[in-house]
């Protein structure tokens, strides 16, 4: 009996050898921990879910060979083997991949703009396309642009927008473009290949500004009525001034809430910021600057100061400061470089004066002195014997800088007289932004209603005096700030 009891007791007390299985589950692409993944051990009832670190642990697992399984919706079930040894811990790592078997790929991208074989008049193009995903997965796009002149490529990858702006194109060049669409689970789907061509350099001589969606955009046009967009439509750019000697257009552009002087080629390429000291004044749409005739430097105002800067941005120099603290809003440098016409005003834009100085700051002529009403539009004739300007002859002034009756005047330095050039102006309108034509037989300018919100149109008028009126011809509709070189 004693032997029997001892034998039974030994069977009951015999210990089972066990170990531990631990591990971690991560995304196979990002290697980020995966939470709430169901992990189970084959041929047992052991099941666990991963914690916030993607980790799990099984204890007291009998020694032996096991298959460990990890599963989660939208991911492929993953298996790893594990050999449990007594009093040891075996670690298992799962890298789970997304289930793609049932995924539906995005549709073939449909190219929208530019239309196939379209001819463009600007040196940038907005490419637009459309693709849809049946499961509303996020669609990613790659855009490829090539040209017919060299092996250069423009490649834009992994974007989610369905349009992209391509800049710095070349005149007379044909471009080919294609879009690839894909989601997180699909192969790339290729669109058709479209082409567009940029026109040959039109040799435009007329430059002007149009306002679009709150931004001023600089345009140019030639005698054949070919219009080109020169500046980025997403940026505010205005007051173009061409210099033929430098083969550059200077203009203002907003940069980080400041106004600076820029240059670009006549085709809109090679944008360059010239100024380091910002342009400033009482109203930036009224401020103007001037080129030297040889194109080597520019003059521009900043409050009561007038600066000179070389076209390459070097040599910034203060050359004049108003003695009474008035703002310098406009300037124009004479062809021979010895005279500077200046318009000054108070911080509200009024109490305006126009006078001519030399580079030493000596006043040579006074055209207007502290007059009432808005004044603007300085432009010397090439022989420096005449000066264009505008003046609101109503003398009206208010806090909104309202202009009621602005006329163009030509001041003659030989006899110190001014002639009103707006005798044929439409009632209730303003003539503004006058410039001499290249042959100085005409004047171009902008006319608009004095309500301040109506369409602005650019006109041309001959200097010939005919039947007691000057005859006007519309050059451009919905445009302002003209320059004709």
Protein backbone atom coordinates (compact mmCIF):
# COMPACT_ATOMS: atom_id res chain seq x y z
CA UNK A 1 0.00 0.00 0.00
CA UNK A 2 2.81 2.40 0.90
CA UNK A 3 4.53 1.75 -2.43
CA UNK A 4 1.26 2.34 -4.29
CA UNK A 5 0.66 5.64 -2.58
CA UNK A 6 4.18 6.82 -3.27
CA UNK A 7 3.85 5.87 -6.93
CA UNK A 8 0.55 7.81 -7.32
CA UNK A 9 1.97 10.86 -5.61
CA UNK A 10 4.92 10.97 -8.01
CA UNK A 11 2.53 11.02 -11.01
CA UNK A 12 0.58 13.95 -9.57
CA UNK A 13 3.63 16.08 -8.77
CA UNK A 14 5.38 15.63 -12.13
CA UNK A 15 6.03 19.23 -13.52
CA UNK A 16 5.30 20.29 -17.19
CA UNK A 17 8.20 22.24 -18.88
CA UNK A 18 7.08 25.71 -20.21
CA UNK A 19 8.47 28.87 -21.77
CA UNK A 20 7.35 32.27 -23.07
CA UNK A 21 6.52 33.65 -26.52
CA UNK A 22 6.73 37.44 -26.90
CA UNK A 23 6.90 39.69 -29.90
CA UNK A 24 5.94 42.79 -31.79
CA UNK A 25 3.79 43.60 -34.83
CA UNK A 26 4.75 46.47 -37.18
CA UNK A 27 3.58 47.86 -40.53
CA UNK A 28 5.75 46.39 -43.28
CA UNK A 29 5.99 49.77 -45.04
CA UNK A 30 6.26 52.34 -42.25
CA UNK A 31 7.55 50.02 -39.48
CA UNK A 32 5.16 51.76 -37.11
CA UNK A 33 3.76 49.58 -34.27
CA UNK A 34 0.31 48.13 -34.98
CA UNK A 35 -2.30 48.19 -32.22
CA UNK A 36 -5.07 45.62 -31.60
CA UNK A 37 -3.64 42.97 -33.89
CA UNK A 38 -4.99 39.52 -32.99
CA UNK A 39 -2.14 37.09 -32.30
CA UNK A 40 -2.80 33.36 -31.73
CA UNK A 41 -0.80 30.15 -31.30
CA UNK A 42 -1.67 27.11 -33.41
CA UNK A 43 -3.04 24.00 -31.68
CA UNK A 44 -3.73 26.00 -28.50
CA UNK A 45 -6.43 28.29 -27.23
CA UNK A 46 -3.98 31.10 -26.57
CA UNK A 47 -4.97 34.46 -28.10
CA UNK A 48 -3.76 37.99 -27.37
CA UNK A 49 -4.04 41.51 -28.84
CA UNK A 50 -1.12 43.87 -29.30
CA UNK A 51 -0.86 46.91 -27.04
CA UNK A 52 -0.10 50.53 -28.00
CA UNK A 53 3.51 49.55 -28.67
CA UNK A 54 2.47 46.71 -30.97
CA UNK A 55 3.72 44.16 -28.43
CA UNK A 56 2.25 40.91 -27.07
CA UNK A 57 3.30 38.13 -24.62
CA UNK A 58 2.24 34.52 -24.01
CA UNK A 59 3.45 32.82 -20.81
CA UNK A 60 3.42 29.19 -19.64
CA UNK A 61 3.52 27.73 -23.13
CA UNK A 62 4.61 24.09 -23.18
CA UNK A 63 7.93 23.49 -24.81
CA UNK A 64 7.69 22.54 -28.45
CA UNK A 65 7.34 23.90 -31.97
CA UNK A 66 4.48 26.28 -32.79
CA UNK A 67 3.10 28.43 -35.56
CA UNK A 68 2.16 31.94 -34.39
CA UNK A 69 -0.45 33.87 -36.42
CA UNK A 70 -1.12 37.64 -36.62
CA UNK A 71 -4.27 38.95 -38.27
CA UNK A 72 -6.03 42.28 -38.73
CA UNK A 73 -8.67 43.57 -41.15
CA UNK A 74 -7.30 44.98 -44.43
CA UNK A 75 -3.91 43.29 -43.83
CA UNK A 76 -2.58 39.95 -45.00
CA UNK A 77 -2.53 37.32 -42.26
CA UNK A 78 1.06 36.70 -41.21
CA UNK A 79 2.67 33.53 -39.78
CA UNK A 80 5.91 33.02 -37.90
CA UNK A 81 7.36 29.85 -36.34
CA UNK A 82 8.43 29.70 -32.71
CA UNK A 83 10.29 27.00 -30.73
CA UNK A 84 9.53 27.15 -27.01
CA UNK A 85 12.21 25.94 -24.63
CA UNK A 86 11.96 25.47 -20.91
CA UNK A 87 12.25 28.69 -18.93
CA UNK A 88 13.27 30.64 -22.05
CA UNK A 89 11.59 33.42 -24.02
CA UNK A 90 11.37 33.29 -27.80
CA UNK A 91 10.79 36.62 -29.63
CA UNK A 92 8.71 36.85 -32.81
CA UNK A 93 8.49 39.89 -35.12
CA UNK A 94 5.63 40.35 -37.60
CA UNK A 95 5.81 42.77 -40.53
CA UNK A 96 2.27 42.94 -41.83
CA UNK A 97 1.43 43.97 -45.39
CA UNK A 98 -1.75 45.64 -46.63
CA UNK A 99 -4.24 43.37 -48.34
CA UNK A 100 -4.36 44.42 -52.00
CA UNK A 101 -6.12 41.53 -53.59
CA UNK A 102 -9.49 43.27 -53.83
CA UNK A 103 -8.21 46.78 -54.51
CA UNK A 104 -9.49 48.69 -57.52
CA UNK A 105 -6.96 50.99 -59.16
CA UNK A 106 -7.65 54.65 -60.03
CA UNK A 107 -9.01 55.46 -63.48
CA UNK A 108 -6.68 56.39 -66.32
CA UNK A 109 -5.89 60.11 -65.87
CA UNK A 110 -7.79 62.25 -68.39
CA UNK A 111 -5.64 65.22 -69.47
CA UNK A 112 -7.66 68.45 -69.55
CA UNK A 113 -5.40 71.49 -70.00
CA UNK A 114 -3.59 72.46 -72.07
CA UNK A 115 -5.56 70.76 -74.80
CA UNK A 116 -3.58 68.45 -77.04
CA UNK A 117 -1.48 70.45 -79.55
CA UNK A 118 -2.56 73.77 -78.01
CA UNK A 119 -0.35 76.80 -78.69
CA UNK A 120 0.52 78.90 -75.64
CA UNK A 121 1.52 82.57 -75.57
CA UNK A 122 3.07 82.53 -72.09
CA UNK A 123 6.22 80.97 -70.68
CA UNK A 124 4.37 78.96 -68.07
CA UNK A 125 1.56 76.44 -68.27
CA UNK A 126 -0.94 75.07 -65.76
CA UNK A 127 -1.33 71.34 -66.40
CA UNK A 128 -4.69 69.92 -65.32
CA UNK A 129 -6.05 66.37 -65.33
CA UNK A 130 -8.70 64.16 -63.69
CA UNK A 131 -8.70 60.66 -62.22
CA UNK A 132 -11.12 58.92 -59.84
CA UNK A 133 -10.70 55.98 -57.47
CA UNK A 134 -13.70 53.59 -57.18
CA UNK A 135 -12.97 53.05 -53.49
CA UNK A 136 -12.20 56.72 -52.82
CA UNK A 137 -8.62 55.89 -51.86
CA UNK A 138 -6.16 58.77 -51.94
CA UNK A 139 -4.74 59.10 -55.46
CA UNK A 140 -1.11 60.07 -55.97
CA UNK A 141 0.28 61.47 -59.22
CA UNK A 142 3.59 61.68 -61.01
CA UNK A 143 3.93 64.28 -63.79
CA UNK A 144 6.54 64.08 -66.54
CA UNK A 145 7.26 66.91 -69.01
CA UNK A 146 9.75 66.67 -71.91
CA UNK A 147 10.56 68.94 -74.85
CA UNK A 148 11.63 68.48 -78.45
CA UNK A 149 14.95 70.34 -78.16
CA UNK A 150 17.05 68.53 -75.57
CA UNK A 151 17.02 65.67 -73.07
CA UNK A 152 15.92 67.76 -70.09
CA UNK A 153 12.90 66.59 -68.11
CA UNK A 154 10.60 68.11 -65.54
CA UNK A 155 9.52 65.43 -63.05
CA UNK A 156 7.05 66.06 -60.24
CA UNK A 157 6.29 63.05 -58.05
CA UNK A 158 3.88 61.90 -55.36
CA UNK A 159 1.45 64.83 -55.38
CA UNK A 160 -2.27 64.66 -54.64
CA UNK A 161 -3.34 67.83 -56.51
CA UNK A 162 -4.84 67.49 -59.98
CA UNK A 163 -2.99 70.49 -61.42
CA UNK A 164 0.55 71.80 -61.42
CA UNK A 165 2.21 75.00 -62.65
CA UNK A 166 5.17 74.54 -65.00
CA UNK A 167 7.35 77.66 -65.32
CA UNK A 168 10.40 78.87 -67.27
CA UNK A 169 9.29 77.43 -70.58
CA UNK A 170 11.03 78.50 -73.81
CA UNK A 171 9.60 80.28 -76.83
CA UNK A 172 9.34 78.20 -80.00
CA UNK A 173 9.48 74.91 -78.09
CA UNK A 174 7.13 71.91 -78.17
CA UNK A 175 6.45 70.08 -74.91
CA UNK A 176 5.08 66.61 -74.19
CA UNK A 177 3.47 65.65 -70.89
CA UNK A 178 2.04 62.59 -69.19
CA UNK A 179 0.50 61.81 -65.79
CA UNK A 180 0.72 58.57 -63.77
CA UNK A 181 -1.94 57.82 -61.15
CA UNK A 182 -1.77 55.31 -58.30
CA UNK A 183 -3.08 54.64 -54.78
CA UNK A 184 -1.47 52.92 -51.81
CA UNK A 185 -2.24 49.48 -53.22
CA UNK A 186 -2.06 49.71 -57.01
CA UNK A 187 0.47 49.87 -59.78
CA UNK A 188 0.88 53.18 -61.63
CA UNK A 189 -1.72 53.89 -64.30
CA UNK A 190 -0.41 55.89 -67.28
CA UNK A 191 -2.34 58.62 -69.11
CA UNK A 192 -2.10 59.39 -72.80
CA UNK A 193 0.72 61.72 -73.91
CA UNK A 194 -0.38 65.27 -74.81
CA UNK A 195 1.67 68.06 -76.32
CA UNK A 196 1.60 71.85 -76.37
CA UNK A 197 3.78 74.45 -78.06
CA UNK A 198 4.96 77.85 -76.89
CA UNK A 199 4.83 80.45 -79.67
CA UNK A 200 7.96 81.94 -81.15
CA UNK A 201 9.22 85.11 -79.45
CA UNK A 202 6.64 87.69 -80.54
CA UNK A 203 8.89 90.72 -79.92
CA UNK A 204 6.24 92.49 -77.88
CA UNK A 205 6.67 96.22 -77.25
CA UNK A 206 3.54 97.14 -75.30
CA UNK A 207 3.46 96.18 -71.62
CA UNK A 208 0.57 96.56 -69.20
CA UNK A 209 -1.19 95.16 -66.14
CA UNK A 210 -4.44 93.27 -65.64
CA UNK A 211 -6.01 92.45 -62.30
CA UNK A 212 -7.06 88.83 -61.90
CA UNK A 213 -8.40 87.28 -58.68
CA UNK A 214 -6.92 90.09 -56.62
CA UNK A 215 -3.43 89.96 -58.14
CA UNK A 216 -1.89 92.30 -60.70
CA UNK A 217 -0.45 90.34 -63.62
CA UNK A 218 1.95 91.80 -66.20
CA UNK A 219 1.16 91.20 -69.88
CA UNK A 220 2.73 92.17 -73.17
CA UNK A 221 1.39 92.49 -76.71
CA UNK A 222 2.82 93.06 -80.18
CA UNK A 223 1.51 94.80 -83.28
CA UNK A 224 -0.09 91.54 -84.44
CA UNK A 225 -2.19 91.51 -81.25
CA UNK A 226 -0.32 88.51 -79.81
CA UNK A 227 -0.71 88.73 -76.04
CA UNK A 228 1.66 87.06 -73.57
CA UNK A 229 1.48 86.64 -69.80
CA UNK A 230 4.85 87.50 -68.27
CA UNK A 231 4.44 87.07 -64.51
CA UNK A 232 3.17 84.34 -62.24
CA UNK A 233 -0.60 84.64 -61.83
CA UNK A 234 -0.27 83.68 -58.14
CA UNK A 235 1.92 86.73 -57.38
CA UNK A 236 1.17 90.44 -57.27
CA UNK A 237 3.29 92.22 -59.94
CA UNK A 238 2.77 95.69 -61.40
CA UNK A 239 4.21 98.85 -62.98
CA UNK A 240 6.28 97.32 -65.86
CA UNK A 241 9.06 99.47 -67.35
CA UNK A 242 11.06 98.14 -70.32
CA UNK A 243 14.65 99.24 -71.00
CA UNK A 244 15.83 98.33 -74.47
CA UNK A 245 19.53 98.84 -73.70
CA UNK A 246 19.39 96.36 -70.84
CA UNK A 247 16.87 94.12 -72.64
CA UNK A 248 15.04 93.89 -69.32
CA UNK A 249 11.67 94.78 -67.86
CA UNK A 250 11.72 96.21 -64.34
CA UNK A 251 8.60 96.02 -62.18
CA UNK A 252 7.30 95.85 -58.62
CA UNK A 253 6.38 92.59 -56.91
CA UNK A 254 5.14 91.73 -53.43
CA UNK A 255 7.54 89.52 -51.44
CA UNK A 256 6.71 88.49 -47.87
CA UNK A 257 4.42 91.51 -47.38
CA UNK A 258 7.09 93.89 -48.78
CA UNK A 259 7.30 95.54 -52.19
CA UNK A 260 10.56 95.12 -54.08
CA UNK A 261 11.97 96.04 -57.46
CA UNK A 262 12.51 93.11 -59.85
CA UNK A 263 13.75 92.61 -63.39
CA UNK A 264 13.00 89.96 -65.97
CA UNK A 265 13.65 89.40 -69.64
CA UNK A 266 11.03 90.52 -72.14
CA UNK A 267 9.75 86.95 -72.36
CA UNK A 268 9.19 86.77 -68.58
CA UNK A 269 12.22 84.60 -67.83
CA UNK A 270 15.18 85.11 -65.47
CA UNK A 271 13.33 86.82 -62.64
CA UNK A 272 15.71 88.77 -60.38
CA UNK A 273 15.15 90.83 -57.23
CA UNK A 274 17.09 94.10 -57.54
CA UNK A 275 16.22 96.00 -54.37
CA UNK A 276 17.26 95.17 -50.84
CA UNK A 277 15.63 98.22 -49.22
CA UNK A 278 11.86 97.82 -49.75
CA UNK A 279 9.86 100.21 -51.92
CA UNK A 280 7.50 102.27 -49.76
CA UNK A 281 4.97 105.06 -50.07
CA UNK A 282 1.48 106.13 -49.10
CA UNK A 283 -0.19 103.84 -51.67
CA UNK A 284 1.84 101.21 -53.52
CA UNK A 285 -0.34 101.26 -56.64
CA UNK A 286 0.65 104.92 -57.10
CA UNK A 287 4.42 104.48 -56.62
CA UNK A 288 6.67 104.54 -59.70
CA UNK A 289 10.39 104.22 -60.49
CA UNK A 290 12.70 104.96 -63.42
CA UNK A 291 15.48 103.39 -65.50
CA UNK A 292 18.63 105.14 -66.60
CA UNK A 293 18.73 105.42 -70.41
CA UNK A 294 21.70 103.04 -70.65
CA UNK A 295 19.97 100.44 -68.48
CA UNK A 296 22.76 100.30 -65.92
CA UNK A 297 20.81 101.46 -62.87
CA UNK A 298 17.37 102.36 -61.54
CA UNK A 299 15.90 104.99 -59.23
CA UNK A 300 13.09 104.17 -56.81
CA UNK A 301 11.45 105.80 -53.76
CA UNK A 302 10.99 104.68 -50.19
CA UNK A 303 8.95 107.16 -48.19
CA UNK A 304 10.93 110.47 -48.20
CA UNK A 305 14.06 108.95 -49.75
CA UNK A 306 15.15 108.29 -53.34
CA UNK A 307 17.53 105.39 -53.95
CA UNK A 308 19.79 104.45 -56.82
CA UNK A 309 20.58 100.77 -57.38
CA UNK A 310 22.48 98.96 -60.13
CA UNK A 311 20.51 96.50 -62.23
CA UNK A 312 22.46 93.59 -60.68
CA UNK A 313 21.33 94.67 -57.19
CA UNK A 314 24.66 96.17 -56.16
CA UNK A 315 25.57 99.72 -55.19
CA UNK A 316 22.40 100.78 -53.38
CA UNK A 317 22.83 104.50 -52.69
CA UNK A 318 20.67 107.22 -51.16
CA UNK A 319 20.77 110.12 -53.60
CA UNK A 320 18.03 112.44 -52.31
CA UNK A 321 15.81 113.01 -49.29
CA UNK A 322 12.98 115.52 -49.17
CA UNK A 323 13.75 118.44 -46.85
CA UNK A 324 10.16 118.66 -45.59
CA UNK A 325 9.62 114.93 -44.92
CA UNK A 326 7.09 114.51 -47.73
CA UNK A 327 6.92 111.13 -49.45
CA UNK A 328 8.48 110.67 -52.88
CA UNK A 329 5.81 108.74 -54.76
CA UNK A 330 7.11 108.95 -58.34
CA UNK A 331 10.29 109.76 -60.20
CA UNK A 332 11.47 109.89 -63.80
CA UNK A 333 15.08 110.20 -64.92
CA UNK A 334 15.78 112.25 -68.03
CA UNK A 335 17.39 110.61 -71.06
CA UNK A 336 20.73 112.38 -70.50
CA UNK A 337 20.83 111.37 -66.85
CA UNK A 338 21.19 114.90 -65.51
CA UNK A 339 17.60 115.61 -64.44
CA UNK A 340 15.19 113.79 -62.15
CA UNK A 341 11.50 114.69 -62.05
CA UNK A 342 9.98 114.00 -58.65
CA UNK A 343 6.42 114.02 -57.32
CA UNK A 344 6.03 114.43 -53.57
CA UNK A 345 2.96 114.33 -51.37
CA UNK A 346 1.91 114.03 -47.75
CA UNK A 347 1.11 110.63 -46.18
CA UNK A 348 -2.49 110.92 -47.43
CA UNK A 349 -1.36 111.43 -51.04
CA UNK A 350 -2.22 115.13 -51.24
CA UNK A 351 -0.47 118.49 -50.90
CA UNK A 352 1.42 117.39 -54.02
CA UNK A 353 4.39 118.99 -55.74
CA UNK A 354 6.28 118.21 -58.95
CA UNK A 355 9.81 119.53 -59.35
CA UNK A 356 13.03 118.66 -61.15
CA UNK A 357 16.37 118.19 -59.37
CA UNK A 358 19.91 117.31 -60.36
CA UNK A 359 21.94 114.53 -58.71
CA UNK A 360 23.18 116.99 -56.09
CA UNK A 361 19.61 117.64 -54.97
CA UNK A 362 19.43 121.15 -56.40
CA UNK A 363 15.95 122.15 -57.56
CA UNK A 364 16.06 123.13 -61.26
CA UNK A 365 12.35 123.59 -62.02
CA UNK A 366 9.07 123.62 -60.12
CA UNK A 367 6.04 122.50 -62.11
CA UNK A 368 3.45 122.19 -59.32
CA UNK A 369 3.79 123.36 -55.74
CA UNK A 370 1.56 122.03 -52.93
CA UNK A 371 -1.57 121.83 -55.07
CA UNK A 372 -4.91 120.34 -54.04
CA UNK A 373 -6.10 117.10 -55.65
CA UNK A 374 -4.30 113.96 -56.78
CA UNK A 375 -1.19 114.27 -58.99
CA UNK A 376 0.69 111.49 -60.81
CA UNK A 377 2.14 110.15 -64.06
CA UNK A 378 5.64 111.60 -64.61
CA UNK A 379 7.35 110.97 -67.96
CA UNK A 380 10.08 113.02 -69.66
CA UNK A 381 10.25 113.41 -73.44
CA UNK A 382 13.51 112.10 -74.88
CA UNK A 383 14.92 115.62 -75.32
CA UNK A 384 13.95 116.51 -71.73
CA UNK A 385 11.99 119.53 -72.99
CA UNK A 386 8.56 118.18 -72.04
CA UNK A 387 7.12 116.38 -69.03
CA UNK A 388 3.85 114.46 -68.83
CA UNK A 389 1.83 114.48 -65.63
CA UNK A 390 -1.77 114.22 -64.45
CA UNK A 391 -3.72 116.39 -62.02
CA UNK A 392 -7.21 116.12 -60.58
CA UNK A 393 -8.31 119.62 -61.51
CA UNK A 394 -11.34 119.38 -59.25
CA UNK A 395 -8.99 119.70 -56.29
CA UNK A 396 -11.09 117.13 -54.45
CA UNK A 397 -9.54 115.34 -51.45
CA UNK A 398 -10.84 112.70 -49.04
CA UNK A 399 -9.56 109.86 -46.85
CA UNK A 400 -10.06 107.25 -49.61
CA UNK A 401 -7.86 109.17 -52.09
CA UNK A 402 -10.82 109.58 -54.45
CA UNK A 403 -9.95 111.10 -57.82
CA UNK A 404 -12.79 112.94 -59.60
CA UNK A 405 -11.43 114.71 -62.68
CA UNK A 406 -7.84 113.79 -63.55
CA UNK A 407 -6.48 115.34 -66.78
CA UNK A 408 -3.20 114.81 -68.63
CA UNK A 409 -0.90 117.81 -68.94
CA UNK A 410 2.26 118.40 -70.97
CA UNK A 411 4.67 120.82 -69.33
CA UNK A 412 7.01 122.68 -71.69
CA UNK A 413 10.35 123.61 -70.09
CA UNK A 414 11.14 126.15 -72.81
CA UNK A 415 8.32 128.49 -71.81
CA UNK A 416 7.27 127.07 -68.41
CA UNK A 417 3.69 126.39 -69.52
CA UNK A 418 1.37 123.40 -69.26
CA UNK A 419 -1.17 122.31 -71.88
CA UNK A 420 -4.21 120.24 -70.94
CA UNK A 421 -4.17 117.13 -73.11
CA UNK A 422 -7.54 115.75 -71.95
CA UNK A 423 -9.92 118.11 -73.73
CA UNK A 424 -11.72 115.17 -75.34
CA UNK A 425 -11.96 113.13 -72.15
CA UNK A 426 -15.30 111.55 -71.32
CA UNK A 427 -17.21 113.23 -68.51
CA UNK A 428 -16.95 111.57 -65.09
CA UNK A 429 -13.71 109.78 -65.96
CA UNK A 430 -10.02 110.05 -65.10
CA UNK A 431 -7.00 110.01 -67.41
CA UNK A 432 -4.03 108.39 -65.61
CA UNK A 433 -0.65 106.67 -66.21
CA UNK A 434 0.42 108.67 -69.31
CA UNK A 435 3.51 107.66 -71.29
CA UNK A 436 5.05 108.94 -74.50
CA UNK A 437 4.99 106.48 -77.39
CA UNK A 438 8.40 105.35 -78.74
CA UNK A 439 8.32 107.97 -81.53
CA UNK A 440 6.75 110.55 -79.17
CA UNK A 441 4.07 111.36 -81.73
CA UNK A 442 1.46 109.85 -79.42
CA UNK A 443 0.64 109.39 -75.77
CA UNK A 444 -0.76 106.24 -74.22
CA UNK A 445 -2.69 106.35 -70.95
CA UNK A 446 -5.38 104.66 -68.90
CA UNK A 447 -8.93 106.01 -68.67
CA UNK A 448 -11.53 104.85 -66.16
CA UNK A 449 -14.67 106.05 -64.42
CA UNK A 450 -14.09 108.14 -61.33
CA UNK A 451 -16.21 105.70 -59.31
CA UNK A 452 -13.00 103.74 -58.64
CA UNK A 453 -14.45 100.32 -59.48
CA UNK A 454 -15.24 100.40 -63.21
CA UNK A 455 -13.23 98.83 -66.04
CA UNK A 456 -9.88 100.40 -66.86
CA UNK A 457 -8.95 100.79 -70.53
CA UNK A 458 -5.73 101.87 -72.24
CA UNK A 459 -6.00 104.52 -74.95
CA UNK A 460 -3.69 106.04 -77.55
CA UNK A 461 -3.91 109.69 -78.62
CA UNK A 462 -2.02 111.56 -81.33
CA UNK A 463 -0.22 114.75 -80.36
CA UNK A 464 -1.56 116.43 -83.50
CA UNK A 465 -4.11 119.09 -82.67
CA UNK A 466 -7.18 118.47 -84.85
CA UNK A 467 -10.52 120.32 -84.68
CA UNK A 468 -9.91 121.54 -81.15
CA UNK A 469 -9.77 118.00 -79.74
CA UNK A 470 -7.41 115.11 -79.37
CA UNK A 471 -8.71 111.92 -80.94
CA UNK A 472 -8.66 108.84 -78.76
CA UNK A 473 -8.25 105.21 -79.81
CA UNK A 474 -8.77 102.22 -77.51
CA UNK A 475 -5.71 99.97 -77.46
CA UNK A 476 -6.58 97.56 -74.67
CA UNK A 477 -9.62 96.87 -72.57
CA UNK A 478 -9.47 95.93 -68.90
CA UNK A 479 -5.81 96.99 -68.58
CA UNK A 480 -3.74 99.65 -66.85
CA UNK A 481 -0.19 100.91 -66.14
CA UNK A 482 0.95 100.88 -69.80
CA UNK A 483 4.52 101.07 -71.05
CA UNK A 484 5.39 101.29 -74.77
CA UNK A 485 8.99 100.87 -75.85
